[in-house]
Amino acid sequence: MAKTMMSTCGLDCGSCEWHTGSRQPSCAGCTEIKGKPFWGTCPTYSCAHDRNAKHCGACSDFPCDKFVEMFDPNDPEGRRGAVYRAGIEAYRARHGDEKAVELIRKTTKAH
């Protein structure tokens, strides 16, 4: 089973092609690279870091407009993604990264 590591915004790094090395360039994970992936600087990581939150779900302002607006409202997958990721982050804040990754992997396999 892949290592338990999550991004600031609630992605399962252990299932990410860039993190696992299936795609290049590789990514060590948001925390390791301090929110500076190959494509630039992650505003979500910076926001959480500025607020001293380990991840979005641990922020006192969560869920905020900035979190919701990172998903394209004109894309049905984007809208579902926002709702799903917000749920994951809320669950993560309450139960921790390992349980959140278990939930992600369980729900991803179901589809």
N, C-alpha and C. Protein backbone atom coordinates (compact mmCIF):
# COMPACT_ATOMS: atom_id res chain seq x y z
N MET A 1 0.84 -1.18 0.00
CA MET A 1 0.00 0.00 0.00
C MET A 1 0.89 1.25 0.00
N ALA A 2 0.45 2.25 -0.74
CA ALA A 2 1.22 3.49 -0.84
C ALA A 2 1.27 4.21 0.50
N LYS A 3 2.32 4.96 0.68
CA LYS A 3 2.54 5.73 1.91
C LYS A 3 1.40 6.73 2.13
N THR A 4 1.07 6.95 3.40
CA THR A 4 0.03 7.92 3.75
C THR A 4 0.63 9.31 3.77
N MET A 5 0.25 10.12 2.79
CA MET A 5 0.66 11.51 2.72
C MET A 5 -0.43 12.25 1.95
N MET A 6 -0.80 13.41 2.47
CA MET A 6 -1.84 14.19 1.82
C MET A 6 -1.35 15.59 1.53
N SER A 7 -1.93 16.16 0.47
CA SER A 7 -1.64 17.55 0.14
C SER A 7 -2.42 18.47 1.08
N THR A 8 -2.07 19.71 1.08
CA THR A 8 -2.75 20.71 1.91
C THR A 8 -4.24 20.79 1.60
N CYS A 9 -4.59 20.62 0.32
CA CYS A 9 -5.99 20.76 -0.10
C CYS A 9 -6.77 19.45 -0.08
N GLY A 10 -6.12 18.35 0.32
CA GLY A 10 -6.86 17.10 0.49
C GLY A 10 -6.67 16.04 -0.55
N LEU A 11 -5.62 16.11 -1.35
CA LEU A 11 -5.33 15.04 -2.30
C LEU A 11 -4.51 13.95 -1.61
N ASP A 12 -4.73 12.72 -2.02
CA ASP A 12 -3.95 11.58 -1.53
C ASP A 12 -2.69 11.49 -2.37
N CYS A 13 -1.57 11.94 -1.81
CA CYS A 13 -0.30 11.93 -2.55
C CYS A 13 0.10 10.52 -2.96
N GLY A 14 -0.23 9.52 -2.15
CA GLY A 14 0.13 8.14 -2.46
C GLY A 14 -0.54 7.60 -3.70
N SER A 15 -1.59 8.28 -4.17
CA SER A 15 -2.27 7.87 -5.39
C SER A 15 -1.96 8.80 -6.56
N CYS A 16 -1.13 9.79 -6.33
CA CYS A 16 -0.81 10.78 -7.36
C CYS A 16 0.32 10.27 -8.26
N GLU A 17 0.10 10.32 -9.57
CA GLU A 17 1.09 9.83 -10.53
C GLU A 17 2.42 10.58 -10.45
N TRP A 18 2.36 11.86 -10.11
CA TRP A 18 3.60 12.63 -10.01
C TRP A 18 4.35 12.27 -8.73
N HIS A 19 3.62 11.96 -7.68
CA HIS A 19 4.27 11.60 -6.42
C HIS A 19 4.85 10.19 -6.48
N THR A 20 4.13 9.27 -7.10
CA THR A 20 4.59 7.88 -7.16
C THR A 20 5.69 7.68 -8.20
N GLY A 21 5.90 8.68 -9.06
CA GLY A 21 6.94 8.58 -10.08
C GLY A 21 6.47 8.03 -11.41
N SER A 22 5.15 7.77 -11.55
CA SER A 22 4.61 7.29 -12.82
C SER A 22 4.65 8.36 -13.89
N ARG A 23 4.62 9.62 -13.47
CA ARG A 23 4.70 10.76 -14.39
C ARG A 23 5.86 11.63 -13.97
N GLN A 24 6.39 12.33 -14.93
CA GLN A 24 7.52 13.22 -14.66
C GLN A 24 7.12 14.65 -14.99
N PRO A 25 7.63 15.63 -14.30
CA PRO A 25 8.61 15.51 -13.23
C PRO A 25 7.98 14.99 -11.95
N SER A 26 8.78 14.38 -11.11
CA SER A 26 8.24 13.80 -9.89
C SER A 26 8.04 14.90 -8.83
N CYS A 27 7.17 14.59 -7.88
CA CYS A 27 6.83 15.53 -6.80
C CYS A 27 6.98 14.80 -5.47
N ALA A 28 7.65 15.42 -4.54
CA ALA A 28 7.85 14.81 -3.22
C ALA A 28 6.66 15.03 -2.29
N GLY A 29 5.69 15.83 -2.70
CA GLY A 29 4.52 16.14 -1.87
C GLY A 29 4.57 17.58 -1.39
N CYS A 30 3.41 18.18 -1.23
CA CYS A 30 3.30 19.61 -0.88
C CYS A 30 4.13 20.01 0.33
N THR A 31 4.06 19.21 1.37
CA THR A 31 4.78 19.56 2.59
C THR A 31 6.28 19.53 2.36
N GLU A 32 6.74 18.50 1.69
CA GLU A 32 8.17 18.35 1.43
C GLU A 32 8.72 19.48 0.55
N ILE A 33 7.95 19.88 -0.44
CA ILE A 33 8.43 20.91 -1.38
C ILE A 33 7.93 22.31 -1.01
N LYS A 34 7.30 22.40 0.15
CA LYS A 34 6.83 23.67 0.69
C LYS A 34 5.95 24.44 -0.29
N GLY A 35 5.04 23.70 -0.94
CA GLY A 35 4.06 24.32 -1.83
C GLY A 35 4.61 24.89 -3.11
N LYS A 36 5.75 24.36 -3.57
CA LYS A 36 6.34 24.84 -4.82
C LYS A 36 6.53 23.67 -5.79
N PRO A 37 5.41 23.17 -6.36
CA PRO A 37 5.51 22.06 -7.32
C PRO A 37 6.12 22.53 -8.63
N PHE A 38 6.32 21.57 -9.53
CA PHE A 38 6.95 21.86 -10.82
C PHE A 38 6.20 22.91 -11.63
N TRP A 39 4.92 23.10 -11.38
CA TRP A 39 4.13 24.05 -12.17
C TRP A 39 4.11 25.46 -11.59
N GLY A 40 4.73 25.69 -10.44
CA GLY A 40 4.77 27.04 -9.85
C GLY A 40 4.59 27.02 -8.35
N THR A 41 3.94 28.03 -7.81
CA THR A 41 3.69 28.12 -6.36
C THR A 41 2.22 27.85 -6.11
N CYS A 42 1.94 26.97 -5.17
CA CYS A 42 0.56 26.61 -4.85
C CYS A 42 -0.05 27.64 -3.90
N PRO A 43 -1.07 28.36 -4.34
CA PRO A 43 -1.70 29.36 -3.47
C PRO A 43 -2.41 28.73 -2.27
N THR A 44 -2.88 27.50 -2.41
CA THR A 44 -3.57 26.83 -1.31
C THR A 44 -2.59 26.51 -0.20
N TYR A 45 -1.42 26.00 -0.56
CA TYR A 45 -0.39 25.71 0.44
C TYR A 45 0.01 27.01 1.15
N SER A 46 0.26 28.06 0.38
CA SER A 46 0.66 29.34 0.96
C SER A 46 -0.39 29.87 1.92
N CYS A 47 -1.64 29.76 1.55
CA CYS A 47 -2.74 30.24 2.39
C CYS A 47 -2.77 29.50 3.72
N ALA A 48 -2.72 28.17 3.66
CA ALA A 48 -2.74 27.37 4.89
C ALA A 48 -1.50 27.68 5.75
N HIS A 49 -0.36 27.78 5.11
CA HIS A 49 0.89 28.07 5.83
C HIS A 49 0.80 29.43 6.53
N ASP A 50 0.28 30.43 5.81
CA ASP A 50 0.14 31.78 6.39
C ASP A 50 -0.80 31.79 7.60
N ARG A 51 -1.74 30.85 7.62
CA ARG A 51 -2.70 30.77 8.71
C ARG A 51 -2.30 29.74 9.78
N ASN A 52 -1.08 29.23 9.67
CA ASN A 52 -0.56 28.22 10.60
C ASN A 52 -1.46 26.99 10.69
N ALA A 53 -2.03 26.60 9.56
CA ALA A 53 -2.88 25.41 9.50
C ALA A 53 -2.13 24.31 8.75
N LYS A 54 -2.17 23.11 9.27
CA LYS A 54 -1.50 21.98 8.63
C LYS A 54 -2.12 21.69 7.26
N HIS A 55 -3.41 21.92 7.15
CA HIS A 55 -4.14 21.70 5.90
C HIS A 55 -5.41 22.54 5.93
N CYS A 56 -6.09 22.62 4.81
CA CYS A 56 -7.28 23.47 4.71
C CYS A 56 -8.33 23.14 5.78
N GLY A 57 -8.58 21.86 6.01
CA GLY A 57 -9.59 21.46 6.99
C GLY A 57 -9.27 21.88 8.41
N ALA A 58 -7.99 22.15 8.69
CA ALA A 58 -7.56 22.55 10.03
C ALA A 58 -7.58 24.07 10.20
N CYS A 59 -7.97 24.78 9.16
CA CYS A 59 -8.00 26.25 9.21
C CYS A 59 -9.30 26.73 9.86
N SER A 60 -9.19 27.74 10.67
CA SER A 60 -10.39 28.28 11.35
C SER A 60 -11.37 28.93 10.37
N ASP A 61 -10.92 29.26 9.16
CA ASP A 61 -11.79 29.85 8.14
C ASP A 61 -12.40 28.82 7.19
N PHE A 62 -12.09 27.55 7.38
CA PHE A 62 -12.58 26.51 6.47
C PHE A 62 -14.05 26.21 6.72
N PRO A 63 -14.83 26.03 5.66
CA PRO A 63 -14.49 26.20 4.25
C PRO A 63 -14.61 27.67 3.86
N CYS A 64 -13.66 28.13 3.12
CA CYS A 64 -13.65 29.54 2.72
C CYS A 64 -13.85 29.67 1.21
N ASP A 65 -14.07 30.89 0.76
CA ASP A 65 -14.26 31.14 -0.67
C ASP A 65 -13.04 30.72 -1.47
N LYS A 66 -11.85 30.96 -0.93
CA LYS A 66 -10.62 30.61 -1.64
C LYS A 66 -10.56 29.10 -1.92
N PHE A 67 -10.95 28.29 -0.95
CA PHE A 67 -10.97 26.84 -1.13
C PHE A 67 -11.98 26.46 -2.21
N VAL A 68 -13.20 26.97 -2.10
CA VAL A 68 -14.26 26.62 -3.05
C VAL A 68 -13.92 27.12 -4.45
N GLU A 69 -13.31 28.30 -4.56
CA GLU A 69 -13.02 28.89 -5.87
C GLU A 69 -11.87 28.22 -6.61
N MET A 70 -11.14 27.32 -5.96
CA MET A 70 -10.07 26.63 -6.68
C MET A 70 -10.64 25.57 -7.62
N PHE A 71 -11.93 25.30 -7.53
CA PHE A 71 -12.60 24.36 -8.41
C PHE A 71 -13.44 25.13 -9.44
N ASP A 72 -13.43 24.70 -10.68
CA ASP A 72 -14.14 25.38 -11.75
C ASP A 72 -15.66 25.17 -11.59
N PRO A 73 -16.42 26.24 -11.30
CA PRO A 73 -17.86 26.10 -11.08
C PRO A 73 -18.62 25.75 -12.36
N ASN A 74 -18.01 25.95 -13.53
CA ASN A 74 -18.67 25.63 -14.79
C ASN A 74 -18.46 24.18 -15.20
N ASP A 75 -17.62 23.48 -14.48
CA ASP A 75 -17.31 22.08 -14.76
C ASP A 75 -18.02 21.21 -13.73
N PRO A 76 -18.93 20.33 -14.18
CA PRO A 76 -19.64 19.47 -13.21
C PRO A 76 -18.67 18.69 -12.32
N GLU A 77 -17.56 18.23 -12.87
CA GLU A 77 -16.56 17.53 -12.06
C GLU A 77 -15.93 18.49 -11.05
N GLY A 78 -15.77 19.74 -11.43
CA GLY A 78 -15.21 20.74 -10.53
C GLY A 78 -16.12 20.99 -9.33
N ARG A 79 -17.42 21.10 -9.60
CA ARG A 79 -18.38 21.30 -8.50
C ARG A 79 -18.40 20.11 -7.56
N ARG A 80 -18.44 18.90 -8.14
CA ARG A 80 -18.41 17.69 -7.31
C ARG A 80 -17.10 17.60 -6.55
N GLY A 81 -16.02 17.99 -7.21
CA GLY A 81 -14.70 17.97 -6.57
C GLY A 81 -14.65 18.86 -5.35
N ALA A 82 -15.25 20.03 -5.45
CA ALA A 82 -15.24 20.96 -4.32
C ALA A 82 -15.99 20.38 -3.14
N VAL A 83 -17.14 19.80 -3.39
CA VAL A 83 -17.95 19.22 -2.31
C VAL A 83 -17.23 18.01 -1.72
N TYR A 84 -16.71 17.14 -2.58
CA TYR A 84 -16.01 15.94 -2.12
C TYR A 84 -14.77 16.32 -1.31
N ARG A 85 -13.96 17.22 -1.85
CA ARG A 85 -12.71 17.60 -1.17
C ARG A 85 -12.99 18.31 0.14
N ALA A 86 -14.06 19.12 0.20
CA ALA A 86 -14.43 19.78 1.46
C ALA A 86 -14.80 18.73 2.51
N GLY A 87 -15.52 17.71 2.08
CA GLY A 87 -15.88 16.63 3.00
C GLY A 87 -14.65 15.88 3.50
N ILE A 88 -13.73 15.61 2.61
CA ILE A 88 -12.48 14.93 2.98
C ILE A 88 -11.71 15.78 3.99
N GLU A 89 -11.61 17.07 3.73
CA GLU A 89 -10.85 17.95 4.63
C GLU A 89 -11.51 18.05 6.01
N ALA A 90 -12.84 18.08 6.05
CA ALA A 90 -13.54 18.11 7.34
C ALA A 90 -13.32 16.80 8.09
N TYR A 91 -13.39 15.68 7.38
CA TYR A 91 -13.15 14.37 7.98
C TYR A 91 -11.70 14.28 8.47
N ARG A 92 -10.79 14.77 7.67
CA ARG A 92 -9.36 14.77 8.00
C ARG A 92 -9.08 15.56 9.28
N ALA A 93 -9.72 16.72 9.40
CA ALA A 93 -9.52 17.56 10.59
C ALA A 93 -9.96 16.83 11.86
N ARG A 94 -10.97 16.02 11.73
CA ARG A 94 -11.51 15.32 12.89
C ARG A 94 -10.81 13.99 13.18
N HIS A 95 -10.41 13.26 12.10
CA HIS A 95 -9.91 11.90 12.27
C HIS A 95 -8.45 11.69 11.88
N GLY A 96 -7.82 12.68 11.27
CA GLY A 96 -6.41 12.56 10.91
C GLY A 96 -6.17 12.09 9.49
N ASP A 97 -4.92 12.22 9.07
CA ASP A 97 -4.53 11.91 7.69
C ASP A 97 -4.74 10.45 7.33
N GLU A 98 -4.34 9.52 8.18
CA GLU A 98 -4.45 8.10 7.84
C GLU A 98 -5.89 7.69 7.57
N LYS A 99 -6.80 8.10 8.43
CA LYS A 99 -8.21 7.76 8.24
C LYS A 99 -8.77 8.45 6.99
N ALA A 100 -8.33 9.67 6.72
CA ALA A 100 -8.79 10.38 5.53
C ALA A 100 -8.30 9.68 4.27
N VAL A 101 -7.06 9.24 4.26
CA VAL A 101 -6.53 8.51 3.10
C VAL A 101 -7.29 7.20 2.92
N GLU A 102 -7.57 6.49 4.01
CA GLU A 102 -8.38 5.27 3.92
C GLU A 102 -9.72 5.55 3.26
N LEU A 103 -10.37 6.64 3.69
CA LEU A 103 -11.67 7.01 3.12
C LEU A 103 -11.54 7.34 1.63
N ILE A 104 -10.52 8.11 1.27
CA ILE A 104 -10.31 8.45 -0.15
C ILE A 104 -10.14 7.19 -0.97
N ARG A 105 -9.28 6.30 -0.52
CA ARG A 105 -9.00 5.08 -1.29
C ARG A 105 -10.21 4.17 -1.37
N LYS A 106 -10.99 4.12 -0.32
CA LYS A 106 -12.20 3.30 -0.32
C LYS A 106 -13.23 3.88 -1.29
N THR A 107 -13.44 5.18 -1.26
CA THR A 107 -14.44 5.79 -2.13
C THR A 107 -13.96 5.85 -3.58
N THR A 108 -12.67 5.94 -3.81
CA THR A 108 -12.16 5.96 -5.17
C THR A 108 -12.30 4.60 -5.82
N LYS A 109 -12.09 3.54 -5.07
CA LYS A 109 -12.23 2.18 -5.61
C LYS A 109 -13.67 1.88 -5.99
N ALA A 110 -14.61 2.51 -5.29
CA ALA A 110 -16.03 2.25 -5.54
C ALA A 110 -16.48 2.79 -6.89
N HIS A 111 -15.69 3.71 -7.48
CA HIS A 111 -16.13 4.32 -8.75
C HIS A 111 -15.42 3.71 -9.86
